[in-house]
Amino acid sequence: MIARQSILVALGLLALSAIGPGCTLMRPPENQTVLRLSVAFPAQADRSASPSLSIAPVEARGLTGDRRYAYIDRAAPNVVRQAETLFWEEPPSITVERAVVDGLRARFASVGEAKTLTRADQRLFVRLDRFEELTGLGEPPQAVVAFDVTTVGIADQTIAATRRYCAATEIEGSDPSSRADAFASALHSAVDQLAQAVGGGAASAPSC
């Protein structure tokens, strides 16, 4: 009887020792909210055959390429902060690259993706400069998207132009979906500016 009790006590202690260290491992992970952007560009019925375009991989400035949600307080405009539990589903540079390709394909018949080798009249090099929430000072928060595009002529490898495209959209709610919608709207607007400029339209002066 005593031996049996000793065995039960030993098993109990063994079970406790196994559970104890594992308590931290068994805790649920910290809540992380992941934002997904959905930007649609309906194709025009009469897409232009000229110019043909090739898009280089989008580069990102500093923390702009990070998946963590970035924001800037208007009271400290030179400090980029990052949210602890708010993330983008993919790096903003990838999101912008896809939006640029889709937006240009909606207007032009020949647009090559960055990962494909496409013969084209022009190659576009995009550098993402801002992809952040602007907040503070009692003003409504805004989603700000800004990128610079350098257009290079393929035939002679000369730089045709370098322009900045940007847009800011007010974030109408404090929930993650409102933030994602605002960034999608800002990105759509900036890409529309690019498509208009490539098509020969007047480029609007950057305001962000």
C-alpha atoms as a PDB file:
ATOM      1  CA  MET A   1       0.000   0.000   0.000  1.00  0.00           C
ATOM      2  CA  ILE A   2       2.762   2.414   0.963  1.00  0.00           C
ATOM      3  CA  ALA A   3       4.664   1.537  -2.211  1.00  0.00           C
ATOM      4  CA  ARG A   4       1.571   2.205  -4.282  1.00  0.00           C
ATOM      5  CA  GLN A   5       1.068   5.610  -2.657  1.00  0.00           C
ATOM      6  CA  SER A   6       4.710   6.454  -3.270  1.00  0.00           C
ATOM      7  CA  ILE A   7       4.336   5.619  -6.941  1.00  0.00           C
ATOM      8  CA  LEU A   8       1.209   7.794  -7.242  1.00  0.00           C
ATOM      9  CA  VAL A   9       2.929  10.721  -5.542  1.00  0.00           C
ATOM     10  CA  ALA A  10       5.945  10.357  -7.810  1.00  0.00           C
ATOM     11  CA  LEU A  11       3.741  10.308 -10.899  1.00  0.00           C
ATOM     12  CA  GLY A  12       1.901  13.377  -9.684  1.00  0.00           C
ATOM     13  CA  LEU A  13       5.129  15.292  -9.115  1.00  0.00           C
ATOM     14  CA  LEU A  14       6.362  14.229 -12.522  1.00  0.00           C
ATOM     15  CA  ALA A  15       3.162  15.502 -14.133  1.00  0.00           C
ATOM     16  CA  LEU A  16       3.426  18.826 -12.312  1.00  0.00           C
ATOM     17  CA  SER A  17       7.038  19.260 -13.340  1.00  0.00           C
ATOM     18  CA  ALA A  18       6.057  18.658 -16.970  1.00  0.00           C
ATOM     19  CA  ILE A  19       3.146  21.077 -16.880  1.00  0.00           C
ATOM     20  CA  GLY A  20       4.895  23.832 -14.918  1.00  0.00           C
ATOM     21  CA  PRO A  21       7.589  24.850 -17.392  1.00  0.00           C
ATOM     22  CA  GLY A  22       5.132  24.435 -20.229  1.00  0.00           C
ATOM     23  CA  CYS A  23       2.613  26.938 -18.889  1.00  0.00           C
ATOM     24  CA  THR A  24       4.177  29.814 -20.775  1.00  0.00           C
ATOM     25  CA  LEU A  25       4.320  27.756 -23.937  1.00  0.00           C
ATOM     26  CA  MET A  26       0.654  26.849 -23.671  1.00  0.00           C
ATOM     27  CA  ARG A  27      -0.533  30.446 -23.359  1.00  0.00           C
ATOM     28  CA  PRO A  28      -2.371  31.736 -26.401  1.00  0.00           C
ATOM     29  CA  PRO A  29      -0.232  34.005 -28.583  1.00  0.00           C
ATOM     30  CA  GLU A  30      -0.618  37.752 -28.266  1.00  0.00           C
ATOM     31  CA  ASN A  31      -3.401  39.072 -30.436  1.00  0.00           C
ATOM     32  CA  GLN A  32      -2.078  40.199 -33.795  1.00  0.00           C
ATOM     33  CA  THR A  33      -4.306  41.926 -36.309  1.00  0.00           C
ATOM     34  CA  VAL A  34      -3.319  41.456 -39.933  1.00  0.00           C
ATOM     35  CA  LEU A  35      -4.555  43.920 -42.549  1.00  0.00           C
ATOM     36  CA  ARG A  36      -5.228  42.870 -46.130  1.00  0.00           C
ATOM     37  CA  LEU A  37      -5.506  45.434 -48.919  1.00  0.00           C
ATOM     38  CA  SER A  38      -7.856  44.944 -51.838  1.00  0.00           C
ATOM     39  CA  VAL A  39      -7.362  47.383 -54.709  1.00  0.00           C
ATOM     40  CA  ALA A  40      -9.308  46.813 -57.928  1.00  0.00           C
ATOM     41  CA  PHE A  41      -8.720  48.495 -61.302  1.00  0.00           C
ATOM     42  CA  PRO A  42     -11.447  47.693 -63.857  1.00  0.00           C
ATOM     43  CA  ALA A  43      -9.939  47.341 -67.323  1.00  0.00           C
ATOM     44  CA  GLN A  44     -10.845  50.002 -69.851  1.00  0.00           C
ATOM     45  CA  ALA A  45     -12.553  48.843 -73.011  1.00  0.00           C
ATOM     46  CA  ASP A  46     -10.015  50.591 -75.240  1.00  0.00           C
ATOM     47  CA  ARG A  47      -6.670  49.893 -73.612  1.00  0.00           C
ATOM     48  CA  SER A  48      -3.791  51.689 -75.298  1.00  0.00           C
ATOM     49  CA  ALA A  49      -1.153  49.675 -77.155  1.00  0.00           C
ATOM     50  CA  SER A  50       1.476  52.349 -76.524  1.00  0.00           C
ATOM     51  CA  PRO A  51       3.679  52.634 -74.664  1.00  0.00           C
ATOM     52  CA  SER A  52       4.539  49.076 -73.737  1.00  0.00           C
ATOM     53  CA  LEU A  53       5.760  48.926 -70.141  1.00  0.00           C
ATOM     54  CA  SER A  54       7.968  46.817 -67.907  1.00  0.00           C
ATOM     55  CA  ILE A  55       7.843  47.213 -64.122  1.00  0.00           C
ATOM     56  CA  ALA A  56      10.997  46.736 -62.028  1.00  0.00           C
ATOM     57  CA  PRO A  57      10.705  45.301 -58.495  1.00  0.00           C
ATOM     58  CA  VAL A  58       9.488  48.012 -56.128  1.00  0.00           C
ATOM     59  CA  GLU A  59      12.047  49.220 -53.605  1.00  0.00           C
ATOM     60  CA  ALA A  60      11.054  50.579 -50.202  1.00  0.00           C
ATOM     61  CA  ARG A  61      12.610  53.271 -48.089  1.00  0.00           C
ATOM     62  CA  GLY A  62      13.596  52.201 -44.575  1.00  0.00           C
ATOM     63  CA  LEU A  63      10.722  50.945 -42.432  1.00  0.00           C
ATOM     64  CA  THR A  64       8.290  51.501 -45.295  1.00  0.00           C
ATOM     65  CA  GLY A  65       8.988  47.966 -46.440  1.00  0.00           C
ATOM     66  CA  ASP A  66       8.258  46.434 -43.036  1.00  0.00           C
ATOM     67  CA  ARG A  67       5.033  44.500 -42.433  1.00  0.00           C
ATOM     68  CA  ARG A  68       4.465  46.251 -39.104  1.00  0.00           C
ATOM     69  CA  TYR A  69       1.937  49.073 -39.339  1.00  0.00           C
ATOM     70  CA  ALA A  70       3.714  52.439 -39.357  1.00  0.00           C
ATOM     71  CA  TYR A  71       2.359  55.759 -38.169  1.00  0.00           C
ATOM     72  CA  ILE A  72       3.596  59.316 -37.622  1.00  0.00           C
ATOM     73  CA  ASP A  73       2.361  61.787 -35.031  1.00  0.00           C
ATOM     74  CA  ARG A  74       1.952  65.248 -36.505  1.00  0.00           C
ATOM     75  CA  ALA A  75       3.570  66.613 -33.351  1.00  0.00           C
ATOM     76  CA  ALA A  76       6.756  64.674 -34.194  1.00  0.00           C
ATOM     77  CA  PRO A  77       6.818  64.430 -38.005  1.00  0.00           C
ATOM     78  CA  ASN A  78      10.363  63.077 -38.168  1.00  0.00           C
ATOM     79  CA  VAL A  79       9.681  60.048 -35.955  1.00  0.00           C
ATOM     80  CA  VAL A  80       8.322  56.886 -37.557  1.00  0.00           C
ATOM     81  CA  ARG A  81       6.553  54.662 -35.045  1.00  0.00           C
ATOM     82  CA  GLN A  82       5.317  51.094 -35.427  1.00  0.00           C
ATOM     83  CA  ALA A  83       2.249  49.483 -33.897  1.00  0.00           C
ATOM     84  CA  GLU A  84       2.926  46.504 -31.630  1.00  0.00           C
ATOM     85  CA  THR A  85       0.159  44.175 -32.826  1.00  0.00           C
ATOM     86  CA  LEU A  86      -0.951  45.593 -36.185  1.00  0.00           C
ATOM     87  CA  PHE A  87       0.624  44.092 -39.307  1.00  0.00           C
ATOM     88  CA  TRP A  88       0.170  44.086 -43.068  1.00  0.00           C
ATOM     89  CA  GLU A  89      -0.440  40.693 -44.650  1.00  0.00           C
ATOM     90  CA  GLU A  90       2.511  41.291 -46.961  1.00  0.00           C
ATOM     91  CA  PRO A  91       5.228  43.950 -47.192  1.00  0.00           C
ATOM     92  CA  PRO A  92       3.812  47.218 -48.573  1.00  0.00           C
ATOM     93  CA  SER A  93       6.345  47.138 -51.423  1.00  0.00           C
ATOM     94  CA  ILE A  94       4.726  43.938 -52.740  1.00  0.00           C
ATOM     95  CA  THR A  95       1.249  45.444 -52.393  1.00  0.00           C
ATOM     96  CA  VAL A  96       2.317  48.580 -54.267  1.00  0.00           C
ATOM     97  CA  GLU A  97       4.036  46.579 -56.990  1.00  0.00           C
ATOM     98  CA  ARG A  98       0.903  44.538 -57.657  1.00  0.00           C
ATOM     99  CA  ALA A  99      -1.266  47.667 -57.633  1.00  0.00           C
ATOM    100  CA  VAL A 100       1.036  49.435 -60.099  1.00  0.00           C
ATOM    101  CA  VAL A 101       0.950  46.458 -62.475  1.00  0.00           C
ATOM    102  CA  ASP A 102      -2.823  46.024 -62.200  1.00  0.00           C
ATOM    103  CA  GLY A 103      -3.499  49.750 -62.491  1.00  0.00           C
ATOM    104  CA  LEU A 104      -1.367  50.129 -65.609  1.00  0.00           C
ATOM    105  CA  ARG A 105      -2.774  46.963 -67.173  1.00  0.00           C
ATOM    106  CA  ALA A 106      -6.241  48.441 -66.825  1.00  0.00           C
ATOM    107  CA  ARG A 107      -5.165  51.220 -69.186  1.00  0.00           C
ATOM    108  CA  PHE A 108      -2.338  49.770 -71.305  1.00  0.00           C
ATOM    109  CA  ALA A 109      -2.309  46.549 -73.314  1.00  0.00           C
ATOM    110  CA  SER A 110       1.296  45.556 -72.646  1.00  0.00           C
ATOM    111  CA  VAL A 111       2.558  45.686 -69.062  1.00  0.00           C
ATOM    112  CA  GLY A 112       5.184  43.217 -67.897  1.00  0.00           C
ATOM    113  CA  GLU A 113       5.499  42.181 -64.257  1.00  0.00           C
ATOM    114  CA  ALA A 114       8.750  42.577 -62.376  1.00  0.00           C
ATOM    115  CA  LYS A 115       9.428  38.833 -62.327  1.00  0.00           C
ATOM    116  CA  THR A 116       9.056  38.426 -66.093  1.00  0.00           C
ATOM    117  CA  LEU A 117      11.381  39.547 -68.870  1.00  0.00           C
ATOM    118  CA  THR A 118       9.280  41.622 -71.236  1.00  0.00           C
ATOM    119  CA  ARG A 119      10.343  43.634 -74.240  1.00  0.00           C
ATOM    120  CA  ALA A 120       8.963  47.117 -73.728  1.00  0.00           C
ATOM    121  CA  ASP A 121       9.312  50.752 -74.699  1.00  0.00           C
ATOM    122  CA  GLN A 122       9.743  51.914 -71.105  1.00  0.00           C
ATOM    123  CA  ARG A 123      10.809  50.402 -67.808  1.00  0.00           C
ATOM    124  CA  LEU A 124       9.437  51.896 -64.601  1.00  0.00           C
ATOM    125  CA  PHE A 125      11.457  51.924 -61.383  1.00  0.00           C
ATOM    126  CA  VAL A 126       9.274  52.539 -58.341  1.00  0.00           C
ATOM    127  CA  ARG A 127      10.587  53.558 -54.916  1.00  0.00           C
ATOM    128  CA  LEU A 128       8.052  53.476 -52.096  1.00  0.00           C
ATOM    129  CA  ASP A 129       8.613  56.470 -49.807  1.00  0.00           C
ATOM    130  CA  ARG A 130       5.565  56.600 -47.514  1.00  0.00           C
ATOM    131  CA  PHE A 131       3.026  54.002 -46.432  1.00  0.00           C
ATOM    132  CA  GLU A 132       1.923  55.240 -43.032  1.00  0.00           C
ATOM    133  CA  GLU A 133      -0.855  56.664 -40.934  1.00  0.00           C
ATOM    134  CA  LEU A 134      -0.620  60.363 -40.148  1.00  0.00           C
ATOM    135  CA  THR A 135      -2.289  61.166 -36.844  1.00  0.00           C
ATOM    136  CA  GLY A 136      -2.384  63.605 -33.930  1.00  0.00           C
ATOM    137  CA  LEU A 137      -2.837  67.326 -33.212  1.00  0.00           C
ATOM    138  CA  GLY A 138      -6.601  66.948 -33.087  1.00  0.00           C
ATOM    139  CA  GLU A 139      -6.918  66.373 -36.838  1.00  0.00           C
ATOM    140  CA  PRO A 140      -8.495  63.313 -38.498  1.00  0.00           C
ATOM    141  CA  PRO A 141      -6.019  60.483 -39.124  1.00  0.00           C
ATOM    142  CA  GLN A 142      -5.018  59.862 -42.717  1.00  0.00           C
ATOM    143  CA  ALA A 143      -3.596  56.977 -44.700  1.00  0.00           C
ATOM    144  CA  VAL A 144      -0.660  58.337 -46.711  1.00  0.00           C
ATOM    145  CA  VAL A 145       0.867  56.558 -49.696  1.00  0.00           C
ATOM    146  CA  ALA A 146       3.695  58.103 -51.717  1.00  0.00           C
ATOM    147  CA  PHE A 147       6.172  56.709 -54.228  1.00  0.00           C
ATOM    148  CA  ASP A 148       8.664  58.023 -56.770  1.00  0.00           C
ATOM    149  CA  VAL A 149       8.759  56.610 -60.288  1.00  0.00           C
ATOM    150  CA  THR A 150      11.694  56.856 -62.671  1.00  0.00           C
ATOM    151  CA  THR A 151      10.882  56.075 -66.291  1.00  0.00           C
ATOM    152  CA  VAL A 152      13.731  54.756 -68.441  1.00  0.00           C
ATOM    153  CA  GLY A 153      13.598  54.391 -72.210  1.00  0.00           C
ATOM    154  CA  ILE A 154      14.613  50.834 -73.079  1.00  0.00           C
ATOM    155  CA  ALA A 155      16.017  51.636 -76.516  1.00  0.00           C
ATOM    156  CA  ASP A 156      18.605  54.179 -75.393  1.00  0.00           C
ATOM    157  CA  GLN A 157      18.605  53.573 -71.607  1.00  0.00           C
ATOM    158  CA  THR A 158      17.942  57.237 -70.902  1.00  0.00           C
ATOM    159  CA  ILE A 159      15.882  58.565 -68.005  1.00  0.00           C
ATOM    160  CA  ALA A 160      12.738  60.106 -69.431  1.00  0.00           C
ATOM    161  CA  ALA A 161      11.329  61.423 -66.149  1.00  0.00           C
ATOM    162  CA  THR A 162      11.261  61.031 -62.374  1.00  0.00           C
ATOM    163  CA  ARG A 163       8.013  61.977 -60.695  1.00  0.00           C
ATOM    164  CA  ARG A 164       6.381  61.636 -57.319  1.00  0.00           C
ATOM    165  CA  TYR A 165       2.872  60.262 -56.861  1.00  0.00           C
ATOM    166  CA  CYS A 166       1.046  60.424 -53.567  1.00  0.00           C
ATOM    167  CA  ALA A 167      -2.370  60.473 -51.983  1.00  0.00           C
ATOM    168  CA  ALA A 168      -3.846  60.855 -48.509  1.00  0.00           C
ATOM    169  CA  THR A 169      -7.231  59.455 -47.493  1.00  0.00           C
ATOM    170  CA  GLU A 170      -8.998  60.171 -44.230  1.00  0.00           C
ATOM    171  CA  ILE A 171      -9.426  57.136 -41.964  1.00  0.00           C
ATOM    172  CA  GLU A 172     -13.092  57.235 -41.023  1.00  0.00           C
ATOM    173  CA  GLY A 173     -13.012  54.761 -38.139  1.00  0.00           C
ATOM    174  CA  SER A 174     -10.704  53.420 -35.463  1.00  0.00           C
ATOM    175  CA  ASP A 175     -11.141  49.763 -36.436  1.00  0.00           C
ATOM    176  CA  PRO A 176      -8.605  47.860 -38.589  1.00  0.00           C
ATOM    177  CA  SER A 177     -10.989  47.558 -41.546  1.00  0.00           C
ATOM    178  CA  SER A 178     -11.356  51.337 -41.759  1.00  0.00           C
ATOM    179  CA  ARG A 179      -7.579  51.669 -41.852  1.00  0.00           C
ATOM    180  CA  ALA A 180      -7.238  49.055 -44.598  1.00  0.00           C
ATOM    181  CA  ASP A 181      -9.978  50.723 -46.664  1.00  0.00           C
ATOM    182  CA  ALA A 182      -8.301  54.123 -46.361  1.00  0.00           C
ATOM    183  CA  PHE A 183      -4.931  52.762 -47.491  1.00  0.00           C
ATOM    184  CA  ALA A 184      -6.583  50.957 -50.411  1.00  0.00           C
ATOM    185  CA  SER A 185      -8.220  54.220 -51.484  1.00  0.00           C
ATOM    186  CA  ALA A 186      -4.977  56.203 -51.191  1.00  0.00           C
ATOM    187  CA  LEU A 187      -3.014  53.581 -53.126  1.00  0.00           C
ATOM    188  CA  HIS A 188      -5.678  53.482 -55.837  1.00  0.00           C
ATOM    189  CA  SER A 189      -5.511  57.259 -56.207  1.00  0.00           C
ATOM    190  CA  ALA A 190      -1.703  57.348 -56.410  1.00  0.00           C
ATOM    191  CA  VAL A 191      -1.618  54.594 -59.047  1.00  0.00           C
ATOM    192  CA  ASP A 192      -4.312  56.395 -61.051  1.00  0.00           C
ATOM    193  CA  GLN A 193      -2.057  59.468 -61.061  1.00  0.00           C
ATOM    194  CA  LEU A 194       0.780  57.344 -62.429  1.00  0.00           C
ATOM    195  CA  ALA A 195      -1.372  55.780 -65.151  1.00  0.00           C
ATOM    196  CA  GLN A 196      -2.588  59.213 -66.212  1.00  0.00           C
ATOM    197  CA  ALA A 197       0.972  60.562 -66.419  1.00  0.00           C
ATOM    198  CA  VAL A 198       2.214  57.552 -68.418  1.00  0.00           C
ATOM    199  CA  GLY A 199      -0.671  58.100 -70.819  1.00  0.00           C
ATOM    200  CA  GLY A 200       0.450  61.665 -71.420  1.00  0.00           C
ATOM    201  CA  GLY A 201      -1.882  63.405 -69.011  1.00  0.00           C
ATOM    202  CA  ALA A 202      -0.860  66.245 -66.748  1.00  0.00           C
ATOM    203  CA  ALA A 203       0.730  65.088 -63.516  1.00  0.00           C
ATOM    204  CA  SER A 204      -0.727  66.672 -60.398  1.00  0.00           C
ATOM    205  CA  ALA A 205       1.677  68.336 -57.987  1.00  0.00           C
ATOM    206  CA  PRO A 206       2.518  66.069 -55.029  1.00  0.00           C
ATOM    207  CA  SER A 207       0.955  67.180 -51.753  1.00  0.00           C
ATOM    208  CA  CYS A 208       2.383  64.587 -49.367  1.00  0.00           C
END
